[in-house]
Amino acid sequence: MQFSFYTTAIIIFFADLIYWFLNVFLINGVIENKSIKAGVFAAALNFFSYLAVFYFVKNFEYMVAACLGAFIGAALAVEYDKRHQKNHIENKTS
């Protein structure tokens, strides 16, 4: 699939626009300790960042692994932080 310079530039522009827009929702998911929400937005962010890179790499086979890694990584980080905060609060009250 071959796109013109301008079509590719527009696709990359909107991919990056959506990427940075979704960052807010990822941050909110992390702050709210919602691991699934954070994971979904991390995977979406990875998808849109990959979309921009795709035009240089031309290989969609790595997208599933990248999005899955983003989802699991963000979800695990939020779960870890939730447990760490809970232990920290319990130790403060003891």
PDB file of N, CA and C in Angstrom:
ATOM      1  N   MET A   1       0.846  -1.167   0.000  1.00  0.00           N
ATOM      2  CA  MET A   1       0.000   0.000   0.000  1.00  0.00           C
ATOM      3  C   MET A   1       0.899   1.241   0.000  1.00  0.00           C
ATOM      4  N   GLN A   2       0.822   2.035  -1.026  1.00  0.00           N
ATOM      5  CA  GLN A   2       1.667   3.216  -1.190  1.00  0.00           C
ATOM      6  C   GLN A   2       0.818   4.477  -1.067  1.00  0.00           C
ATOM      7  N   PHE A   3       1.188   5.360  -0.154  1.00  0.00           N
ATOM      8  CA  PHE A   3       0.494   6.629   0.019  1.00  0.00           C
ATOM      9  C   PHE A   3       1.376   7.768  -0.468  1.00  0.00           C
ATOM     10  N   SER A   4       0.727   8.865  -0.836  1.00  0.00           N
ATOM     11  CA  SER A   4       1.494  10.049  -1.212  1.00  0.00           C
ATOM     12  C   SER A   4       2.111  10.660   0.044  1.00  0.00           C
ATOM     13  N   PHE A   5       3.018  11.568  -0.162  1.00  0.00           N
ATOM     14  CA  PHE A   5       3.675  12.253   0.950  1.00  0.00           C
ATOM     15  C   PHE A   5       2.644  12.928   1.849  1.00  0.00           C
ATOM     16  N   TYR A   6       1.677  13.617   1.278  1.00  0.00           N
ATOM     17  CA  TYR A   6       0.691  14.358   2.068  1.00  0.00           C
ATOM     18  C   TYR A   6      -0.272  13.439   2.816  1.00  0.00           C
ATOM     19  N   THR A   7      -0.694  12.359   2.186  1.00  0.00           N
ATOM     20  CA  THR A   7      -1.573  11.404   2.857  1.00  0.00           C
ATOM     21  C   THR A   7      -0.867  10.781   4.058  1.00  0.00           C
ATOM     22  N   THR A   8       0.371  10.392   3.870  1.00  0.00           N
ATOM     23  CA  THR A   8       1.153   9.820   4.965  1.00  0.00           C
ATOM     24  C   THR A   8       1.339  10.845   6.077  1.00  0.00           C
ATOM     25  N   ALA A   9       1.632  12.084   5.713  1.00  0.00           N
ATOM     26  CA  ALA A   9       1.811  13.141   6.712  1.00  0.00           C
ATOM     27  C   ALA A   9       0.532  13.358   7.519  1.00  0.00           C
ATOM     28  N   ILE A  10      -0.615  13.323   6.865  1.00  0.00           N
ATOM     29  CA  ILE A  10      -1.901  13.501   7.553  1.00  0.00           C
ATOM     30  C   ILE A  10      -2.171  12.329   8.502  1.00  0.00           C
ATOM     31  N   ILE A  11      -1.908  11.106   8.036  1.00  0.00           N
ATOM     32  CA  ILE A  11      -2.110   9.926   8.886  1.00  0.00           C
ATOM     33  C   ILE A  11      -1.217  10.003  10.127  1.00  0.00           C
ATOM     34  N   ILE A  12       0.034  10.338   9.933  1.00  0.00           N
ATOM     35  CA  ILE A  12       0.967  10.448  11.048  1.00  0.00           C
ATOM     36  C   ILE A  12       0.543  11.580  11.978  1.00  0.00           C
ATOM     37  N   PHE A  13       0.095  12.698  11.435  1.00  0.00           N
ATOM     38  CA  PHE A  13      -0.368  13.821  12.251  1.00  0.00           C
ATOM     39  C   PHE A  13      -1.506  13.387  13.168  1.00  0.00           C
ATOM     40  N   PHE A  14      -2.541  12.753  12.591  1.00  0.00           N
ATOM     41  CA  PHE A  14      -3.681  12.349  13.404  1.00  0.00           C
ATOM     42  C   PHE A  14      -3.326  11.219  14.376  1.00  0.00           C
ATOM     43  N   ALA A  15      -2.429  10.339  13.982  1.00  0.00           N
ATOM     44  CA  ALA A  15      -1.986   9.289  14.894  1.00  0.00           C
ATOM     45  C   ALA A  15      -1.311   9.916  16.116  1.00  0.00           C
ATOM     46  N   ASP A  16      -0.454  10.899  15.890  1.00  0.00           N
ATOM     47  CA  ASP A  16       0.217  11.570  17.006  1.00  0.00           C
ATOM     48  C   ASP A  16      -0.760  12.427  17.811  1.00  0.00           C
ATOM     49  N   LEU A  17      -1.707  13.080  17.152  1.00  0.00           N
ATOM     50  CA  LEU A  17      -2.705  13.871  17.861  1.00  0.00           C
ATOM     51  C   LEU A  17      -3.512  12.982  18.806  1.00  0.00           C
ATOM     52  N   ILE A  18      -3.982  11.867  18.303  1.00  0.00           N
ATOM     53  CA  ILE A  18      -4.755  10.937  19.132  1.00  0.00           C
ATOM     54  C   ILE A  18      -3.879  10.364  20.242  1.00  0.00           C
ATOM     55  N   TYR A  19      -2.625  10.056  19.917  1.00  0.00           N
ATOM     56  CA  TYR A  19      -1.696   9.521  20.911  1.00  0.00           C
ATOM     57  C   TYR A  19      -1.597  10.464  22.109  1.00  0.00           C
ATOM     58  N   TRP A  20      -1.345  11.721  21.870  1.00  0.00           N
ATOM     59  CA  TRP A  20      -1.174  12.667  22.973  1.00  0.00           C
ATOM     60  C   TRP A  20      -2.491  12.963  23.675  1.00  0.00           C
ATOM     61  N   PHE A  21      -3.593  12.921  22.961  1.00  0.00           N
ATOM     62  CA  PHE A  21      -4.902  13.101  23.581  1.00  0.00           C
ATOM     63  C   PHE A  21      -5.187  11.962  24.562  1.00  0.00           C
ATOM     64  N   LEU A  22      -4.876  10.739  24.149  1.00  0.00           N
ATOM     65  CA  LEU A  22      -5.126   9.576  24.993  1.00  0.00           C
ATOM     66  C   LEU A  22      -4.213   9.511  26.217  1.00  0.00           C
ATOM     67  N   ASN A  23      -3.094  10.212  26.182  1.00  0.00           N
ATOM     68  CA  ASN A  23      -2.190  10.249  27.333  1.00  0.00           C
ATOM     69  C   ASN A  23      -2.902  10.698  28.599  1.00  0.00           C
ATOM     70  N   VAL A  24      -3.827  11.644  28.452  1.00  0.00           N
ATOM     71  CA  VAL A  24      -4.560  12.139  29.620  1.00  0.00           C
ATOM     72  C   VAL A  24      -5.352  11.009  30.274  1.00  0.00           C
ATOM     73  N   PHE A  25      -5.999  10.187  29.458  1.00  0.00           N
ATOM     74  CA  PHE A  25      -6.794   9.096  29.993  1.00  0.00           C
ATOM     75  C   PHE A  25      -5.914   8.022  30.629  1.00  0.00           C
ATOM     76  N   LEU A  26      -4.745   7.806  30.065  1.00  0.00           N
ATOM     77  CA  LEU A  26      -3.812   6.866  30.680  1.00  0.00           C
ATOM     78  C   LEU A  26      -3.386   7.371  32.051  1.00  0.00           C
ATOM     79  N   ILE A  27      -3.030   8.640  32.126  1.00  0.00           N
ATOM     80  CA  ILE A  27      -2.603   9.222  33.403  1.00  0.00           C
ATOM     81  C   ILE A  27      -3.727   9.145  34.427  1.00  0.00           C
ATOM     82  N   ASN A  28      -4.953   9.449  34.000  1.00  0.00           N
ATOM     83  CA  ASN A  28      -6.098   9.351  34.911  1.00  0.00           C
ATOM     84  C   ASN A  28      -6.296   7.924  35.396  1.00  0.00           C
ATOM     85  N   GLY A  29      -6.155   6.960  34.515  1.00  0.00           N
ATOM     86  CA  GLY A  29      -6.291   5.557  34.905  1.00  0.00           C
ATOM     87  C   GLY A  29      -5.261   5.155  35.943  1.00  0.00           C
ATOM     88  N   VAL A  30      -4.052   5.646  35.779  1.00  0.00           N
ATOM     89  CA  VAL A  30      -2.986   5.342  36.734  1.00  0.00           C
ATOM     90  C   VAL A  30      -3.264   6.032  38.068  1.00  0.00           C
ATOM     91  N   ILE A  31      -3.633   7.310  38.017  1.00  0.00           N
ATOM     92  CA  ILE A  31      -3.913   8.058  39.248  1.00  0.00           C
ATOM     93  C   ILE A  31      -5.084   7.448  40.006  1.00  0.00           C
ATOM     94  N   GLU A  32      -6.104   6.985  39.269  1.00  0.00           N
ATOM     95  CA  GLU A  32      -7.290   6.390  39.889  1.00  0.00           C
ATOM     96  C   GLU A  32      -7.071   4.925  40.294  1.00  0.00           C
ATOM     97  N   ASN A  33      -5.872   4.390  40.044  1.00  0.00           N
ATOM     98  CA  ASN A  33      -5.549   2.989  40.337  1.00  0.00           C
ATOM     99  C   ASN A  33      -6.473   2.019  39.614  1.00  0.00           C
ATOM    100  N   LYS A  34      -6.828   2.328  38.384  1.00  0.00           N
ATOM    101  CA  LYS A  34      -7.681   1.459  37.573  1.00  0.00           C
ATOM    102  C   LYS A  34      -6.791   0.772  36.539  1.00  0.00           C
ATOM    103  N   SER A  35      -6.392  -0.458  36.860  1.00  0.00           N
ATOM    104  CA  SER A  35      -5.402  -1.147  36.029  1.00  0.00           C
ATOM    105  C   SER A  35      -5.926  -1.460  34.627  1.00  0.00           C
ATOM    106  N   ILE A  36      -7.178  -1.870  34.501  1.00  0.00           N
ATOM    107  CA  ILE A  36      -7.721  -2.195  33.176  1.00  0.00           C
ATOM    108  C   ILE A  36      -7.812  -0.934  32.319  1.00  0.00           C
ATOM    109  N   LYS A  37      -8.303   0.163  32.902  1.00  0.00           N
ATOM    110  CA  LYS A  37      -8.387   1.432  32.174  1.00  0.00           C
ATOM    111  C   LYS A  37      -6.991   1.872  31.710  1.00  0.00           C
ATOM    112  N   ALA A  38      -6.021   1.798  32.609  1.00  0.00           N
ATOM    113  CA  ALA A  38      -4.654   2.181  32.256  1.00  0.00           C
ATOM    114  C   ALA A  38      -4.105   1.279  31.155  1.00  0.00           C
ATOM    115  N   GLY A  39      -4.374  -0.010  31.268  1.00  0.00           N
ATOM    116  CA  GLY A  39      -3.893  -0.959  30.258  1.00  0.00           C
ATOM    117  C   GLY A  39      -4.504  -0.715  28.895  1.00  0.00           C
ATOM    118  N   VAL A  40      -5.802  -0.447  28.863  1.00  0.00           N
ATOM    119  CA  VAL A  40      -6.482  -0.184  27.583  1.00  0.00           C
ATOM    120  C   VAL A  40      -5.896   1.066  26.920  1.00  0.00           C
ATOM    121  N   PHE A  41      -5.719   2.134  27.693  1.00  0.00           N
ATOM    122  CA  PHE A  41      -5.183   3.359  27.101  1.00  0.00           C
ATOM    123  C   PHE A  41      -3.709   3.222  26.738  1.00  0.00           C
ATOM    124  N   ALA A  42      -2.953   2.437  27.485  1.00  0.00           N
ATOM    125  CA  ALA A  42      -1.556   2.188  27.110  1.00  0.00           C
ATOM    126  C   ALA A  42      -1.484   1.432  25.792  1.00  0.00           C
ATOM    127  N   ALA A  43      -2.368   0.445  25.619  1.00  0.00           N
ATOM    128  CA  ALA A  43      -2.404  -0.300  24.355  1.00  0.00           C
ATOM    129  C   ALA A  43      -2.830   0.613  23.208  1.00  0.00           C
ATOM    130  N   ALA A  44      -3.821   1.475  23.449  1.00  0.00           N
ATOM    131  CA  ALA A  44      -4.262   2.424  22.417  1.00  0.00           C
ATOM    132  C   ALA A  44      -3.134   3.389  22.060  1.00  0.00           C
ATOM    133  N   LEU A  45      -2.422   3.869  23.071  1.00  0.00           N
ATOM    134  CA  LEU A  45      -1.285   4.760  22.813  1.00  0.00           C
ATOM    135  C   LEU A  45      -0.232   4.050  21.973  1.00  0.00           C
ATOM    136  N   ASN A  46       0.031   2.805  22.316  1.00  0.00           N
ATOM    137  CA  ASN A  46       1.018   2.040  21.565  1.00  0.00           C
ATOM    138  C   ASN A  46       0.574   1.854  20.116  1.00  0.00           C
ATOM    139  N   PHE A  47      -0.720   1.587  19.912  1.00  0.00           N
ATOM    140  CA  PHE A  47      -1.254   1.419  18.563  1.00  0.00           C
ATOM    141  C   PHE A  47      -1.018   2.678  17.734  1.00  0.00           C
ATOM    142  N   PHE A  48      -1.359   3.831  18.285  1.00  0.00           N
ATOM    143  CA  PHE A  48      -1.224   5.065  17.511  1.00  0.00           C
ATOM    144  C   PHE A  48       0.224   5.478  17.314  1.00  0.00           C
ATOM    145  N   SER A  49       1.090   5.177  18.267  1.00  0.00           N
ATOM    146  CA  SER A  49       2.505   5.468  18.044  1.00  0.00           C
ATOM    147  C   SER A  49       3.079   4.520  16.989  1.00  0.00           C
ATOM    148  N   TYR A  50       2.619   3.259  17.011  1.00  0.00           N
ATOM    149  CA  TYR A  50       3.075   2.303  16.011  1.00  0.00           C
ATOM    150  C   TYR A  50       2.586   2.695  14.618  1.00  0.00           C
ATOM    151  N   LEU A  51       1.386   3.242  14.539  1.00  0.00           N
ATOM    152  CA  LEU A  51       0.837   3.652  13.253  1.00  0.00           C
ATOM    153  C   LEU A  51       1.767   4.642  12.560  1.00  0.00           C
ATOM    154  N   ALA A  52       2.305   5.574  13.322  1.00  0.00           N
ATOM    155  CA  ALA A  52       3.238   6.541  12.761  1.00  0.00           C
ATOM    156  C   ALA A  52       4.535   5.861  12.314  1.00  0.00           C
ATOM    157  N   VAL A  53       5.028   4.929  13.104  1.00  0.00           N
ATOM    158  CA  VAL A  53       6.281   4.236  12.789  1.00  0.00           C
ATOM    159  C   VAL A  53       6.101   3.245  11.641  1.00  0.00           C
ATOM    160  N   PHE A  54       4.893   2.738  11.466  1.00  0.00           N
ATOM    161  CA  PHE A  54       4.621   1.728  10.442  1.00  0.00           C
ATOM    162  C   PHE A  54       5.119   2.146   9.064  1.00  0.00           C
ATOM    163  N   TYR A  55       5.009   3.400   8.740  1.00  0.00           N
ATOM    164  CA  TYR A  55       5.404   3.856   7.412  1.00  0.00           C
ATOM    165  C   TYR A  55       6.902   3.753   7.188  1.00  0.00           C
ATOM    166  N   PHE A  56       7.646   3.623   8.267  1.00  0.00           N
ATOM    167  CA  PHE A  56       9.084   3.425   8.132  1.00  0.00           C
ATOM    168  C   PHE A  56       9.442   1.940   8.178  1.00  0.00           C
ATOM    169  N   VAL A  57       8.709   1.170   8.953  1.00  0.00           N
ATOM    170  CA  VAL A  57       9.024  -0.235   9.151  1.00  0.00           C
ATOM    171  C   VAL A  57       8.256  -1.132   8.181  1.00  0.00           C
ATOM    172  N   LYS A  58       7.004  -0.814   7.931  1.00  0.00           N
ATOM    173  CA  LYS A  58       6.121  -1.569   7.027  1.00  0.00           C
ATOM    174  C   LYS A  58       5.895  -3.010   7.489  1.00  0.00           C
ATOM    175  N   ASN A  59       5.703  -3.181   8.791  1.00  0.00           N
ATOM    176  CA  ASN A  59       5.506  -4.535   9.293  1.00  0.00           C
ATOM    177  C   ASN A  59       4.514  -4.514  10.452  1.00  0.00           C
ATOM    178  N   PHE A  60       3.291  -4.990  10.203  1.00  0.00           N
ATOM    179  CA  PHE A  60       2.244  -4.994  11.210  1.00  0.00           C
ATOM    180  C   PHE A  60       2.354  -6.175  12.181  1.00  0.00           C
ATOM    181  N   GLU A  61       3.214  -7.124  11.897  1.00  0.00           N
ATOM    182  CA  GLU A  61       3.300  -8.330  12.725  1.00  0.00           C
ATOM    183  C   GLU A  61       3.702  -8.037  14.165  1.00  0.00           C
ATOM    184  N   TYR A  62       4.410  -6.947  14.389  1.00  0.00           N
ATOM    185  CA  TYR A  62       4.876  -6.628  15.731  1.00  0.00           C
ATOM    186  C   TYR A  62       3.863  -5.819  16.535  1.00  0.00           C
ATOM    187  N   MET A  63       2.785  -5.360  15.909  1.00  0.00           N
ATOM    188  CA  MET A  63       1.830  -4.499  16.600  1.00  0.00           C
ATOM    189  C   MET A  63       1.117  -5.232  17.732  1.00  0.00           C
ATOM    190  N   VAL A  64       0.714  -6.461  17.522  1.00  0.00           N
ATOM    191  CA  VAL A  64      -0.003  -7.209  18.559  1.00  0.00           C
ATOM    192  C   VAL A  64       0.880  -7.364  19.790  1.00  0.00           C
ATOM    193  N   ALA A  65       2.111  -7.739  19.588  1.00  0.00           N
ATOM    194  CA  ALA A  65       3.032  -7.897  20.714  1.00  0.00           C
ATOM    195  C   ALA A  65       3.271  -6.561  21.415  1.00  0.00           C
ATOM    196  N   ALA A  66       3.423  -5.500  20.665  1.00  0.00           N
ATOM    197  CA  ALA A  66       3.667  -4.185  21.255  1.00  0.00           C
ATOM    198  C   ALA A  66       2.465  -3.712  22.070  1.00  0.00           C
ATOM    199  N   CYS A  67       1.262  -3.848  21.527  1.00  0.00           N
ATOM    200  CA  CYS A  67       0.054  -3.424  22.250  1.00  0.00           C
ATOM    201  C   CYS A  67      -0.196  -4.299  23.469  1.00  0.00           C
ATOM    202  N   LEU A  68       0.027  -5.574  23.330  1.00  0.00           N
ATOM    203  CA  LEU A  68      -0.158  -6.480  24.460  1.00  0.00           C
ATOM    204  C   LEU A  68       0.848  -6.160  25.572  1.00  0.00           C
ATOM    205  N   GLY A  69       2.073  -5.900  25.185  1.00  0.00           N
ATOM    206  CA  GLY A  69       3.088  -5.510  26.168  1.00  0.00           C
ATOM    207  C   GLY A  69       2.739  -4.206  26.860  1.00  0.00           C
ATOM    208  N   ALA A  70       2.214  -3.247  26.113  1.00  0.00           N
ATOM    209  CA  ALA A  70       1.811  -1.973  26.709  1.00  0.00           C
ATOM    210  C   ALA A  70       0.670  -2.181  27.696  1.00  0.00           C
ATOM    211  N   PHE A  71      -0.304  -3.005  27.311  1.00  0.00           N
ATOM    212  CA  PHE A  71      -1.450  -3.268  28.183  1.00  0.00           C
ATOM    213  C   PHE A  71      -1.006  -3.944  29.478  1.00  0.00           C
ATOM    214  N   ILE A  72      -0.244  -5.016  29.344  1.00  0.00           N
ATOM    215  CA  ILE A  72       0.178  -5.772  30.530  1.00  0.00           C
ATOM    216  C   ILE A  72       1.113  -4.939  31.399  1.00  0.00           C
ATOM    217  N   GLY A  73       2.023  -4.217  30.778  1.00  0.00           N
ATOM    218  CA  GLY A  73       2.953  -3.384  31.545  1.00  0.00           C
ATOM    219  C   GLY A  73       2.247  -2.311  32.351  1.00  0.00           C
ATOM    220  N   ALA A  74       1.305  -1.603  31.732  1.00  0.00           N
ATOM    221  CA  ALA A  74       0.574  -0.553  32.455  1.00  0.00           C
ATOM    222  C   ALA A  74      -0.314  -1.150  33.538  1.00  0.00           C
ATOM    223  N   ALA A  75      -0.997  -2.249  33.226  1.00  0.00           N
ATOM    224  CA  ALA A  75      -1.879  -2.874  34.205  1.00  0.00           C
ATOM    225  C   ALA A  75      -1.081  -3.380  35.410  1.00  0.00           C
ATOM    226  N   LEU A  76       0.059  -4.006  35.154  1.00  0.00           N
ATOM    227  CA  LEU A  76       0.896  -4.492  36.252  1.00  0.00           C
ATOM    228  C   LEU A  76       1.458  -3.347  37.084  1.00  0.00           C
ATOM    229  N   ALA A  77       1.843  -2.260  36.424  1.00  0.00           N
ATOM    230  CA  ALA A  77       2.379  -1.102  37.147  1.00  0.00           C
ATOM    231  C   ALA A  77       1.323  -0.503  38.069  1.00  0.00           C
ATOM    232  N   VAL A  78       0.085  -0.408  37.603  1.00  0.00           N
ATOM    233  CA  VAL A  78      -0.987   0.140  38.442  1.00  0.00           C
ATOM    234  C   VAL A  78      -1.296  -0.806  39.596  1.00  0.00           C
ATOM    235  N   GLU A  79      -1.347  -2.123  39.322  1.00  0.00           N
ATOM    236  CA  GLU A  79      -1.593  -3.090  40.393  1.00  0.00           C
ATOM    237  C   GLU A  79      -0.482  -3.031  41.449  1.00  0.00           C
ATOM    238  N   TYR A  80       0.759  -2.950  40.997  1.00  0.00           N
ATOM    239  CA  TYR A  80       1.889  -2.841  41.921  1.00  0.00           C
ATOM    240  C   TYR A  80       1.755  -1.575  42.761  1.00  0.00           C
ATOM    241  N   ASP A  81       1.447  -0.461  42.118  1.00  0.00           N
ATOM    242  CA  ASP A  81       1.327   0.808  42.825  1.00  0.00           C
ATOM    243  C   ASP A  81       0.177   0.767  43.825  1.00  0.00           C
ATOM    244  N   LYS A  82      -0.939   0.140  43.430  1.00  0.00           N
ATOM    245  CA  LYS A  82      -2.086   0.004  44.336  1.00  0.00           C
ATOM    246  C   LYS A  82      -1.686  -0.754  45.595  1.00  0.00           C
ATOM    247  N   ARG A  83      -1.002  -1.864  45.419  1.00  0.00           N
ATOM    248  CA  ARG A  83      -0.576  -2.686  46.563  1.00  0.00           C
ATOM    249  C   ARG A  83       0.456  -1.946  47.408  1.00  0.00           C
ATOM    250  N   HIS A  84       1.360  -1.248  46.740  1.00  0.00           N
ATOM    251  CA  HIS A  84       2.381  -0.481  47.446  1.00  0.00           C
ATOM    252  C   HIS A  84       1.735   0.625  48.285  1.00  0.00           C
ATOM    253  N   GLN A  85       0.754   1.315  47.731  1.00  0.00           N
ATOM    254  CA  GLN A  85       0.049   2.363  48.475  1.00  0.00           C
ATOM    255  C   GLN A  85      -0.721   1.775  49.650  1.00  0.00           C
ATOM    256  N   LYS A  86      -1.364   0.627  49.437  1.00  0.00           N
ATOM    257  CA  LYS A  86      -2.123  -0.022  50.502  1.00  0.00           C
ATOM    258  C   LYS A  86      -1.195  -0.420  51.649  1.00  0.00           C
ATOM    259  N   ASN A  87      -0.056  -1.018  51.334  1.00  0.00           N
ATOM    260  CA  ASN A  87       0.922  -1.405  52.362  1.00  0.00           C
ATOM    261  C   ASN A  87       1.478  -0.177  53.080  1.00  0.00           C
ATOM    262  N   HIS A  88       1.692   0.885  52.330  1.00  0.00           N
ATOM    263  CA  HIS A  88       2.221   2.117  52.916  1.00  0.00           C
ATOM    264  C   HIS A  88       1.213   2.719  53.901  1.00  0.00           C
ATOM    265  N   ILE A  89      -0.055   2.709  53.537  1.00  0.00           N
ATOM    266  CA  ILE A  89      -1.116   3.236  54.411  1.00  0.00           C
ATOM    267  C   ILE A  89      -1.273   2.364  55.641  1.00  0.00           C
ATOM    268  N   GLU A  90      -1.238   1.048  55.466  1.00  0.00           N
ATOM    269  CA  GLU A  90      -1.356   0.127  56.611  1.00  0.00           C
ATOM    270  C   GLU A  90      -0.191   0.292  57.577  1.00  0.00           C
ATOM    271  N   ASN A  91       1.002   0.492  57.065  1.00  0.00           N
ATOM    272  CA  ASN A  91       2.178   0.670  57.921  1.00  0.00           C
ATOM    273  C   ASN A  91       2.137   2.009  58.662  1.00  0.00           C
ATOM    274  N   LYS A  92       1.527   3.022  58.063  1.00  0.00           N
ATOM    275  CA  LYS A  92       1.408   4.329  58.702  1.00  0.00           C
ATOM    276  C   LYS A  92       0.453   4.265  59.888  1.00  0.00           C
ATOM    277  N   THR A  93      -0.632   3.510  59.728  1.00  0.00           N
ATOM    278  CA  THR A  93      -1.647   3.449  60.793  1.00  0.00           C
ATOM    279  C   THR A  93      -1.261   2.482  61.901  1.00  0.00           C
ATOM    280  N   SER A  94      -0.281   1.643  61.676  1.00  0.00           N
ATOM    281  CA  SER A  94       0.125   0.650  62.702  1.00  0.00           C
ATOM    282  C   SER A  94       0.983   1.272  63.770  1.00  0.00           C
TER     283      SER A  94
END
